[in-house]
PDB file of N, CA and C in Angstrom:
ATOM      1  N   MET A   1    -107.293  58.357 -82.923  1.00  0.00           N
ATOM      2  CA  MET A   1    -106.634  59.183 -83.915  1.00  0.00           C
ATOM      3  C   MET A   1    -105.196  58.705 -84.055  1.00  0.00           C
ATOM      4  N   ALA A   2    -104.752  58.536 -85.277  1.00  0.00           N
ATOM      5  CA  ALA A   2    -103.401  58.054 -85.564  1.00  0.00           C
ATOM      6  C   ALA A   2    -102.389  59.193 -85.449  1.00  0.00           C
ATOM      7  N   ALA A   3    -101.159  58.830 -85.102  1.00  0.00           N
ATOM      8  CA  ALA A   3    -100.090  59.816 -84.955  1.00  0.00           C
ATOM      9  C   ALA A   3     -99.593  60.276 -86.323  1.00  0.00           C
ATOM     10  N   VAL A   4     -99.375  61.570 -86.452  1.00  0.00           N
ATOM     11  CA  VAL A   4     -98.816  62.143 -87.683  1.00  0.00           C
ATOM     12  C   VAL A   4     -97.335  61.775 -87.749  1.00  0.00           C
ATOM     13  N   LEU A   5     -96.892  61.370 -88.931  1.00  0.00           N
ATOM     14  CA  LEU A   5     -95.495  60.998 -89.128  1.00  0.00           C
ATOM     15  C   LEU A   5     -94.610  62.238 -89.228  1.00  0.00           C
ATOM     16  N   SER A   6     -93.364  62.091 -88.795  1.00  0.00           N
ATOM     17  CA  SER A   6     -92.389  63.165 -88.957  1.00  0.00           C
ATOM     18  C   SER A   6     -91.966  63.240 -90.423  1.00  0.00           C
ATOM     19  N   GLU A   7     -91.323  64.329 -90.799  1.00  0.00           N
ATOM     20  CA  GLU A   7     -90.835  64.457 -92.178  1.00  0.00           C
ATOM     21  C   GLU A   7     -89.863  63.332 -92.515  1.00  0.00           C
ATOM     22  N   ALA A   8     -89.019  62.944 -91.558  1.00  0.00           N
ATOM     23  CA  ALA A   8     -88.062  61.851 -91.786  1.00  0.00           C
ATOM     24  C   ALA A   8     -88.798  60.530 -91.991  1.00  0.00           C
ATOM     25  N   GLU A   9     -89.844  60.280 -91.225  1.00  0.00           N
ATOM     26  CA  GLU A   9     -90.625  59.049 -91.376  1.00  0.00           C
ATOM     27  C   GLU A   9     -91.352  59.026 -92.720  1.00  0.00           C
ATOM     28  N   ILE A  10     -91.853  60.183 -93.143  1.00  0.00           N
ATOM     29  CA  ILE A  10     -92.527  60.260 -94.442  1.00  0.00           C
ATOM     30  C   ILE A  10     -91.518  60.003 -95.559  1.00  0.00           C
ATOM     31  N   ALA A  11     -90.354  60.618 -95.471  1.00  0.00           N
ATOM     32  CA  ALA A  11     -89.314  60.413 -96.488  1.00  0.00           C
ATOM     33  C   ALA A  11     -88.897  58.954 -96.557  1.00  0.00           C
ATOM     34  N   GLU A  12     -88.779  58.302 -95.413  1.00  0.00           N
ATOM     35  CA  GLU A  12     -88.426  56.877 -95.369  1.00  0.00           C
ATOM     36  C   GLU A  12     -89.513  56.040 -96.041  1.00  0.00           C
ATOM     37  N   ALA A  13     -90.770  56.338 -95.759  1.00  0.00           N
ATOM     38  CA  ALA A  13     -91.886  55.601 -96.363  1.00  0.00           C
ATOM     39  C   ALA A  13     -91.917  55.820 -97.874  1.00  0.00           C
ATOM     40  N   LEU A  14     -91.710  57.055 -98.310  1.00  0.00           N
ATOM     41  CA  LEU A  14     -91.749  57.361 -99.747  1.00  0.00           C
ATOM     42  C   LEU A  14     -90.634  56.666-100.510  1.00  0.00           C
ATOM     43  N   ALA A  15     -89.535  56.376 -99.841  1.00  0.00           N
ATOM     44  CA  ALA A  15     -88.424  55.677-100.498  1.00  0.00           C
ATOM     45  C   ALA A  15     -88.846  54.293-100.975  1.00  0.00           C
ATOM     46  N   SER A  16     -89.839  53.711-100.324  1.00  0.00           N
ATOM     47  CA  SER A  16     -90.313  52.382-100.721  1.00  0.00           C
ATOM     48  C   SER A  16     -91.638  52.441-101.486  1.00  0.00           C
ATOM     49  N   LEU A  17     -92.035  53.648-101.886  1.00  0.00           N
ATOM     50  CA  LEU A  17     -93.285  53.840-102.626  1.00  0.00           C
ATOM     51  C   LEU A  17     -93.001  54.578-103.933  1.00  0.00           C
ATOM     52  N   PRO A  18     -92.482  53.870-104.946  1.00  0.00           N
ATOM     53  CA  PRO A  18     -92.169  54.527-106.217  1.00  0.00           C
ATOM     54  C   PRO A  18     -93.387  55.246-106.802  1.00  0.00           C
ATOM     55  N   GLY A  19     -93.154  56.452-107.296  1.00  0.00           N
ATOM     56  CA  GLY A  19     -94.231  57.224-107.899  1.00  0.00           C
ATOM     57  C   GLY A  19     -94.968  58.120-106.926  1.00  0.00           C
ATOM     58  N   TRP A  20     -94.760  57.934-105.635  1.00  0.00           N
ATOM     59  CA  TRP A  20     -95.408  58.761-104.623  1.00  0.00           C
ATOM     60  C   TRP A  20     -94.456  59.876-104.219  1.00  0.00           C
ATOM     61  N   SER A  21     -95.023  61.043-103.925  1.00  0.00           N
ATOM     62  CA  SER A  21     -94.215  62.180-103.506  1.00  0.00           C
ATOM     63  C   SER A  21     -94.930  62.936-102.396  1.00  0.00           C
ATOM     64  N   ARG A  22     -94.193  63.826-101.799  1.00  0.00           N
ATOM     65  CA  ARG A  22     -94.741  64.645-100.721  1.00  0.00           C
ATOM     66  C   ARG A  22     -95.579  65.754-101.327  1.00  0.00           C
ATOM     67  N   GLY A  23     -96.786  65.884-100.850  1.00  0.00           N
ATOM     68  CA  GLY A  23     -97.657  66.975-101.255  1.00  0.00           C
ATOM     69  C   GLY A  23     -97.873  67.894-100.071  1.00  0.00           C
ATOM     70  N   ASP A  24     -98.744  68.838-100.216  1.00  0.00           N
ATOM     71  CA  ASP A  24     -99.065  69.757 -99.134  1.00  0.00           C
ATOM     72  C   ASP A  24     -99.838  69.005 -98.047  1.00  0.00           C
ATOM     73  N   ASN A  25     -99.130  68.624 -96.988  1.00  0.00           N
ATOM     74  CA  ASN A  25     -99.734  67.896 -95.858  1.00  0.00           C
ATOM     75  C   ASN A  25    -100.324  66.552 -96.291  1.00  0.00           C
ATOM     76  N   ALA A  26     -99.716  65.946 -97.333  1.00  0.00           N
ATOM     77  CA  ALA A  26    -100.242  64.705 -97.899  1.00  0.00           C
ATOM     78  C   ALA A  26     -99.136  63.995 -98.672  1.00  0.00           C
ATOM     79  N   ILE A  27     -99.463  62.798 -99.167  1.00  0.00           N
ATOM     80  CA  ILE A  27     -98.632  62.122-100.155  1.00  0.00           C
ATOM     81  C   ILE A  27     -99.490  61.934-101.404  1.00  0.00           C
ATOM     82  N   VAL A  28     -98.830  62.005-102.571  1.00  0.00           N
ATOM     83  CA  VAL A  28     -99.556  62.084-103.838  1.00  0.00           C
ATOM     84  C   VAL A  28     -98.916  61.180-104.884  1.00  0.00           C
ATOM     85  N   ALA A  29     -99.765  60.566-105.727  1.00  0.00           N
ATOM     86  CA  ALA A  29     -99.281  59.811-106.884  1.00  0.00           C
ATOM     87  C   ALA A  29    -100.179  60.137-108.073  1.00  0.00           C
ATOM     88  N   HIS A  30     -99.574  60.114-109.256  1.00  0.00           N
ATOM     89  CA  HIS A  30    -100.291  60.371-110.503  1.00  0.00           C
ATOM     90  C   HIS A  30    -100.159  59.130-111.378  1.00  0.00           C
ATOM     91  N   TYR A  31    -101.270  58.706-111.955  1.00  0.00           N
ATOM     92  CA  TYR A  31    -101.290  57.543-112.839  1.00  0.00           C
ATOM     93  C   TYR A  31    -101.904  57.939-114.171  1.00  0.00           C
ATOM     94  N   SER A  32    -101.455  57.286-115.221  1.00  0.00           N
ATOM     95  CA  SER A  32    -101.973  57.518-116.561  1.00  0.00           C
ATOM     96  C   SER A  32    -102.398  56.179-117.154  1.00  0.00           C
ATOM     97  N   PHE A  33    -103.542  56.181-117.837  1.00  0.00           N
ATOM     98  CA  PHE A  33    -104.106  54.960-118.396  1.00  0.00           C
ATOM     99  C   PHE A  33    -104.379  55.134-119.878  1.00  0.00           C
ATOM    100  N   ARG A  34    -104.654  54.033-120.540  1.00  0.00           N
ATOM    101  CA  ARG A  34    -104.919  54.055-121.985  1.00  0.00           C
ATOM    102  C   ARG A  34    -106.122  54.928-122.309  1.00  0.00           C
ATOM    103  N   ASP A  35    -107.177  54.822-121.478  1.00  0.00           N
ATOM    104  CA  ASP A  35    -108.390  55.584-121.746  1.00  0.00           C
ATOM    105  C   ASP A  35    -109.186  55.760-120.451  1.00  0.00           C
ATOM    106  N   PHE A  36    -110.317  56.412-120.562  1.00  0.00           N
ATOM    107  CA  PHE A  36    -111.168  56.709-119.412  1.00  0.00           C
ATOM    108  C   PHE A  36    -111.654  55.436-118.723  1.00  0.00           C
ATOM    109  N   ASN A  37    -112.046  54.443-119.511  1.00  0.00           N
ATOM    110  CA  ASN A  37    -112.547  53.196-118.934  1.00  0.00           C
ATOM    111  C   ASN A  37    -111.487  52.516-118.066  1.00  0.00           C
ATOM    112  N   ASP A  38    -110.240  52.446-118.555  1.00  0.00           N
ATOM    113  CA  ASP A  38    -109.166  51.825-117.763  1.00  0.00           C
ATOM    114  C   ASP A  38    -108.914  52.612-116.481  1.00  0.00           C
ATOM    115  N   ALA A  39    -109.013  53.928-116.565  1.00  0.00           N
ATOM    116  CA  ALA A  39    -108.850  54.757-115.372  1.00  0.00           C
ATOM    117  C   ALA A  39    -109.941  54.444-114.348  1.00  0.00           C
ATOM    118  N   LEU A  40    -111.172  54.273-114.819  1.00  0.00           N
ATOM    119  CA  LEU A  40    -112.285  53.969-113.916  1.00  0.00           C
ATOM    120  C   LEU A  40    -112.166  52.576-113.300  1.00  0.00           C
ATOM    121  N   VAL A  41    -111.697  51.612-114.067  1.00  0.00           N
ATOM    122  CA  VAL A  41    -111.485  50.261-113.523  1.00  0.00           C
ATOM    123  C   VAL A  41    -110.489  50.338-112.366  1.00  0.00           C
ATOM    124  N   PHE A  42    -109.395  51.081-112.567  1.00  0.00           N
ATOM    125  CA  PHE A  42    -108.399  51.273-111.519  1.00  0.00           C
ATOM    126  C   PHE A  42    -109.021  51.951-110.292  1.00  0.00           C
ATOM    127  N   VAL A  43    -109.744  53.035-110.504  1.00  0.00           N
ATOM    128  CA  VAL A  43    -110.355  53.776-109.396  1.00  0.00           C
ATOM    129  C   VAL A  43    -111.345  52.892-108.640  1.00  0.00           C
ATOM    130  N   ASN A  44    -112.117  52.090-109.348  1.00  0.00           N
ATOM    131  CA  ASN A  44    -113.066  51.199-108.672  1.00  0.00           C
ATOM    132  C   ASN A  44    -112.344  50.143-107.837  1.00  0.00           C
ATOM    133  N   SER A  45    -111.218  49.652-108.319  1.00  0.00           N
ATOM    134  CA  SER A  45    -110.419  48.694-107.532  1.00  0.00           C
ATOM    135  C   SER A  45    -109.872  49.356-106.284  1.00  0.00           C
ATOM    136  N   VAL A  46    -109.408  50.591-106.428  1.00  0.00           N
ATOM    137  CA  VAL A  46    -108.916  51.342-105.263  1.00  0.00           C
ATOM    138  C   VAL A  46    -110.060  51.581-104.276  1.00  0.00           C
ATOM    139  N   ALA A  47    -111.241  51.896-104.793  1.00  0.00           N
ATOM    140  CA  ALA A  47    -112.397  52.141-103.920  1.00  0.00           C
ATOM    141  C   ALA A  47    -112.736  50.914-103.079  1.00  0.00           C
ATOM    142  N   GLN A  48    -112.663  49.739-103.674  1.00  0.00           N
ATOM    143  CA  GLN A  48    -112.935  48.511-102.918  1.00  0.00           C
ATOM    144  C   GLN A  48    -111.903  48.312-101.807  1.00  0.00           C
ATOM    145  N   ALA A  49    -110.630  48.528-102.138  1.00  0.00           N
ATOM    146  CA  ALA A  49    -109.575  48.392-101.132  1.00  0.00           C
ATOM    147  C   ALA A  49    -109.737  49.441-100.029  1.00  0.00           C
ATOM    148  N   ALA A  50    -110.104  50.655-100.407  1.00  0.00           N
ATOM    149  CA  ALA A  50    -110.290  51.728 -99.431  1.00  0.00           C
ATOM    150  C   ALA A  50    -111.422  51.396 -98.465  1.00  0.00           C
ATOM    151  N   GLU A  51    -112.483  50.817 -98.974  1.00  0.00           N
ATOM    152  CA  GLU A  51    -113.588  50.410 -98.104  1.00  0.00           C
ATOM    153  C   GLU A  51    -113.132  49.342 -97.120  1.00  0.00           C
ATOM    154  N   GLN A  52    -112.377  48.368 -97.603  1.00  0.00           N
ATOM    155  CA  GLN A  52    -111.880  47.300 -96.725  1.00  0.00           C
ATOM    156  C   GLN A  52    -110.950  47.845 -95.647  1.00  0.00           C
ATOM    157  N   MET A  53    -110.123  48.829 -96.015  1.00  0.00           N
ATOM    158  CA  MET A  53    -109.164  49.405 -95.077  1.00  0.00           C
ATOM    159  C   MET A  53    -109.770  50.551 -94.262  1.00  0.00           C
ATOM    160  N   ASN A  54    -110.979  50.958 -94.620  1.00  0.00           N
ATOM    161  CA  ASN A  54    -111.656  52.088 -93.991  1.00  0.00           C
ATOM    162  C   ASN A  54    -110.764  53.333 -93.979  1.00  0.00           C
ATOM    163  N   HIS A  55    -110.110  53.561 -95.124  1.00  0.00           N
ATOM    164  CA  HIS A  55    -109.273  54.754 -95.301  1.00  0.00           C
ATOM    165  C   HIS A  55    -109.342  55.142 -96.767  1.00  0.00           C
ATOM    166  N   HIS A  56    -109.821  56.347 -97.050  1.00  0.00           N
ATOM    167  CA  HIS A  56    -110.203  56.719 -98.406  1.00  0.00           C
ATOM    168  C   HIS A  56    -109.344  57.846 -98.955  1.00  0.00           C
ATOM    169  N   PRO A  57    -108.748  57.633-100.131  1.00  0.00           N
ATOM    170  CA  PRO A  57    -107.950  58.686-100.756  1.00  0.00           C
ATOM    171  C   PRO A  57    -108.843  59.751-101.390  1.00  0.00           C
ATOM    172  N   ASP A  58    -108.270  60.929-101.569  1.00  0.00           N
ATOM    173  CA  ASP A  58    -108.901  61.932-102.420  1.00  0.00           C
ATOM    174  C   ASP A  58    -108.515  61.542-103.845  1.00  0.00           C
ATOM    175  N   ILE A  59    -109.494  61.440-104.725  1.00  0.00           N
ATOM    176  CA  ILE A  59    -109.256  60.959-106.085  1.00  0.00           C
ATOM    177  C   ILE A  59    -109.718  62.015-107.079  1.00  0.00           C
ATOM    178  N   ASP A  60    -108.838  62.326-108.030  1.00  0.00           N
ATOM    179  CA  ASP A  60    -109.159  63.257-109.104  1.00  0.00           C
ATOM    180  C   ASP A  60    -108.964  62.518-110.424  1.00  0.00           C
ATOM    181  N   ILE A  61    -110.029  62.424-111.216  1.00  0.00           N
ATOM    182  CA  ILE A  61    -109.971  61.737-112.509  1.00  0.00           C
ATOM    183  C   ILE A  61    -110.141  62.778-113.612  1.00  0.00           C
ATOM    184  N   ARG A  62    -109.198  62.798-114.541  1.00  0.00           N
ATOM    185  CA  ARG A  62    -109.257  63.677-115.716  1.00  0.00           C
ATOM    186  C   ARG A  62    -109.022  62.808-116.943  1.00  0.00           C
ATOM    187  N   TYR A  63    -110.091  62.338-117.536  1.00  0.00           N
ATOM    188  CA  TYR A  63    -110.093  61.414-118.663  1.00  0.00           C
ATOM    189  C   TYR A  63    -109.264  60.180-118.324  1.00  0.00           C
ATOM    190  N   ASN A  64    -108.006  60.086-118.762  1.00  0.00           N
ATOM    191  CA  ASN A  64    -107.199  58.890-118.499  1.00  0.00           C
ATOM    192  C   ASN A  64    -106.137  59.132-117.428  1.00  0.00           C
ATOM    193  N   LYS A  65    -106.195  60.273-116.758  1.00  0.00           N
ATOM    194  CA  LYS A  65    -105.240  60.623-115.703  1.00  0.00           C
ATOM    195  C   LYS A  65    -105.934  60.547-114.351  1.00  0.00           C
ATOM    196  N   VAL A  66    -105.253  59.912-113.388  1.00  0.00           N
ATOM    197  CA  VAL A  66    -105.811  59.779-112.045  1.00  0.00           C
ATOM    198  C   VAL A  66    -104.778  60.273-111.037  1.00  0.00           C
ATOM    199  N   LYS A  67    -105.224  61.154-110.170  1.00  0.00           N
ATOM    200  CA  LYS A  67    -104.386  61.640-109.070  1.00  0.00           C
ATOM    201  C   LYS A  67    -104.932  61.068-107.773  1.00  0.00           C
ATOM    202  N   MET A  68    -104.053  60.447-106.992  1.00  0.00           N
ATOM    203  CA  MET A  68    -104.407  59.923-105.676  1.00  0.00           C
ATOM    204  C   MET A  68    -103.699  60.768-104.628  1.00  0.00           C
ATOM    205  N   LEU A  69    -104.445  61.262-103.664  1.00  0.00           N
ATOM    206  CA  LEU A  69    -103.890  62.057-102.577  1.00  0.00           C
ATOM    207  C   LEU A  69    -104.321  61.429-101.266  1.00  0.00           C
ATOM    208  N   LEU A  70    -103.360  61.212-100.392  1.00  0.00           N
ATOM    209  CA  LEU A  70    -103.644  60.600 -99.098  1.00  0.00           C
ATOM    210  C   LEU A  70    -103.187  61.500 -97.957  1.00  0.00           C
ATOM    211  N   THR A  71    -104.083  61.733 -97.037  1.00  0.00           N
ATOM    212  CA  THR A  71    -103.802  62.414 -95.785  1.00  0.00           C
ATOM    213  C   THR A  71    -104.839  61.947 -94.776  1.00  0.00           C
ATOM    214  N   SER A  72    -104.479  61.944 -93.526  1.00  0.00           N
ATOM    215  CA  SER A  72    -105.437  61.566 -92.481  1.00  0.00           C
ATOM    216  C   SER A  72    -106.026  62.854 -91.921  1.00  0.00           C
ATOM    217  N   HIS A  73    -107.181  63.221 -92.441  1.00  0.00           N
ATOM    218  CA  HIS A  73    -107.807  64.491 -92.073  1.00  0.00           C
ATOM    219  C   HIS A  73    -108.041  64.590 -90.572  1.00  0.00           C
ATOM    220  N   ASP A  74    -108.450  63.480 -89.953  1.00  0.00           N
ATOM    221  CA  ASP A  74    -108.734  63.513 -88.518  1.00  0.00           C
ATOM    222  C   ASP A  74    -107.473  63.685 -87.677  1.00  0.00           C
ATOM    223  N   SER A  75    -106.308  63.348 -88.231  1.00  0.00           N
ATOM    224  CA  SER A  75    -105.050  63.500 -87.510  1.00  0.00           C
ATOM    225  C   SER A  75    -104.298  64.769 -87.910  1.00  0.00           C
ATOM    226  N   GLY A  76    -104.661  65.336 -89.044  1.00  0.00           N
ATOM    227  CA  GLY A  76    -104.032  66.569 -89.482  1.00  0.00           C
ATOM    228  C   GLY A  76    -102.733  66.393 -90.249  1.00  0.00           C
ATOM    229  N   GLY A  77    -102.563  65.245 -90.893  1.00  0.00           N
ATOM    230  CA  GLY A  77    -101.351  65.030 -91.686  1.00  0.00           C
ATOM    231  C   GLY A  77    -101.214  63.593 -92.128  1.00  0.00           C
ATOM    232  N   VAL A  78    -100.008  63.243 -92.550  1.00  0.00           N
ATOM    233  CA  VAL A  78     -99.726  61.901 -93.062  1.00  0.00           C
ATOM    234  C   VAL A  78     -99.448  60.958 -91.889  1.00  0.00           C
ATOM    235  N   THR A  79    -100.138  59.810 -91.907  1.00  0.00           N
ATOM    236  CA  THR A  79     -99.974  58.794 -90.871  1.00  0.00           C
ATOM    237  C   THR A  79     -99.639  57.452 -91.520  1.00  0.00           C
ATOM    238  N   ARG A  80     -99.410  56.449 -90.689  1.00  0.00           N
ATOM    239  CA  ARG A  80     -99.158  55.095 -91.206  1.00  0.00           C
ATOM    240  C   ARG A  80    -100.342  54.577 -92.024  1.00  0.00           C
ATOM    241  N   ARG A  81    -101.539  55.001 -91.701  1.00  0.00           N
ATOM    242  CA  ARG A  81    -102.707  54.596 -92.498  1.00  0.00           C
ATOM    243  C   ARG A  81    -102.530  55.031 -93.949  1.00  0.00           C
ATOM    244  N   ASP A  82    -101.971  56.224 -94.133  1.00  0.00           N
ATOM    245  CA  ASP A  82    -101.767  56.742 -95.488  1.00  0.00           C
ATOM    246  C   ASP A  82    -100.699  55.948 -96.228  1.00  0.00           C
ATOM    247  N   THR A  83     -99.601  55.629 -95.558  1.00  0.00           N
ATOM    248  CA  THR A  83     -98.533  54.885 -96.237  1.00  0.00           C
ATOM    249  C   THR A  83     -98.979  53.457 -96.541  1.00  0.00           C
ATOM    250  N   ARG A  84     -99.786  52.860 -95.670  1.00  0.00           N
ATOM    251  CA  ARG A  84    -100.326  51.522 -95.961  1.00  0.00           C
ATOM    252  C   ARG A  84    -101.283  51.566 -97.151  1.00  0.00           C
ATOM    253  N   MET A  85    -102.126  52.604 -97.204  1.00  0.00           N
ATOM    254  CA  MET A  85    -103.060  52.735 -98.326  1.00  0.00           C
ATOM    255  C   MET A  85    -102.296  53.019 -99.610  1.00  0.00           C
ATOM    256  N   ALA A  86    -101.232  53.826 -99.553  1.00  0.00           N
ATOM    257  CA  ALA A  86    -100.408  54.103-100.736  1.00  0.00           C
ATOM    258  C   ALA A  86     -99.795  52.815-101.262  1.00  0.00           C
ATOM    259  N   LYS A  87     -99.335  51.957-100.371  1.00  0.00           N
ATOM    260  CA  LYS A  87     -98.762  50.668-100.779  1.00  0.00           C
ATOM    261  C   LYS A  87     -99.826  49.831-101.496  1.00  0.00           C
ATOM    262  N   MET A  88    -101.026  49.812-100.954  1.00  0.00           N
ATOM    263  CA  MET A  88    -102.124  49.061-101.564  1.00  0.00           C
ATOM    264  C   MET A  88    -102.458  49.630-102.947  1.00  0.00           C
ATOM    265  N   ILE A  89    -102.522  50.947-103.071  1.00  0.00           N
ATOM    266  CA  ILE A  89    -102.811  51.575-104.359  1.00  0.00           C
ATOM    267  C   ILE A  89    -101.725  51.228-105.369  1.00  0.00           C
ATOM    268  N   SER A  90    -100.473  51.263-104.933  1.00  0.00           N
ATOM    269  CA  SER A  90     -99.356  50.906-105.816  1.00  0.00           C
ATOM    270  C   SER A  90     -99.466  49.465-106.297  1.00  0.00           C
ATOM    271  N   GLU A  91     -99.874  48.566-105.409  1.00  0.00           N
ATOM    272  CA  GLU A  91    -100.048  47.160-105.790  1.00  0.00           C
ATOM    273  C   GLU A  91    -101.175  47.008-106.803  1.00  0.00           C
ATOM    274  N   ILE A  92    -102.251  47.750-106.611  1.00  0.00           N
ATOM    275  CA  ILE A  92    -103.364  47.697-107.557  1.00  0.00           C
ATOM    276  C   ILE A  92    -102.911  48.223-108.918  1.00  0.00           C
ATOM    277  N   ALA A  93    -102.170  49.327-108.923  1.00  0.00           N
ATOM    278  CA  ALA A  93    -101.661  49.890-110.178  1.00  0.00           C
ATOM    279  C   ALA A  93    -100.721  48.930-110.874  1.00  0.00           C
ATOM    280  N   ALA A  94     -99.888  48.227-110.113  1.00  0.00           N
ATOM    281  CA  ALA A  94     -98.943  47.278-110.699  1.00  0.00           C
ATOM    282  C   ALA A  94     -99.673  46.113-111.375  1.00  0.00           C
ATOM    283  N   GLN A  95    -100.859  45.777-110.860  1.00  0.00           N
ATOM    284  CA  GLN A  95    -101.648  44.690-111.450  1.00  0.00           C
ATOM    285  C   GLN A  95    -102.367  45.135-112.714  1.00  0.00           C
ATOM    286  N   SER A  96    -102.465  46.448-112.911  1.00  0.00           N
ATOM    287  CA  SER A  96    -103.118  46.976-114.100  1.00  0.00           C
ATOM    288  C   SER A  96    -102.101  47.130-115.212  1.00  0.00           C
ATOM    289  N   ALA A  97    -102.284  46.414-116.288  1.00  0.00           N
ATOM    290  CA  ALA A  97    -101.341  46.446-117.413  1.00  0.00           C
ATOM    291  C   ALA A  97    -101.309  47.822-118.068  1.00  0.00           C
ATOM    292  N   GLN A  98    -102.319  48.637-117.839  1.00  0.00           N
ATOM    293  CA  GLN A  98    -102.410  49.922-118.519  1.00  0.00           C
ATOM    294  C   GLN A  98    -101.886  51.102-117.687  1.00  0.00           C
ATOM    295  N   ALA A  99    -101.483  50.868-116.442  1.00  0.00           N
ATOM    296  CA  ALA A  99    -101.074  51.972-115.569  1.00  0.00           C
ATOM    297  C   ALA A  99     -99.649  52.400-115.843  1.00  0.00           C
ATOM    298  N   ASP A 100     -99.452  53.698-115.941  1.00  0.00           N
ATOM    299  CA  ASP A 100     -98.132  54.309-116.030  1.00  0.00           C
ATOM    300  C   ASP A 100     -98.041  55.364-114.961  1.00  0.00           C
ATOM    301  N   LEU A 101     -96.901  55.418-114.298  1.00  0.00           N
ATOM    302  CA  LEU A 101     -96.694  56.479-113.305  1.00  0.00           C
ATOM    303  C   LEU A 101     -96.274  57.749-113.989  1.00  0.00           C
TER     304      LEU A 101
END
């Protein structure tokens, strides 16, 4: 089980993760796409990365809007696994020409 980060550690991590913010016992980002298909392409890319990292975000898709929420359920809060996955999600979004934060 990974160690839960302190509020100061989370704030430090979020400083290098544009578009991510502190949620209720989690970190959260919202993305907007041109249409539903572009949103799904993004989500599928995130799903592949999540499988490779064996760490899966909570994903909410509403037409062209995607919400990513990361928390380590087994640890009871935000851990380094979450900040690493957030960085990966941000990189995937940056590669998508249609993503807006």
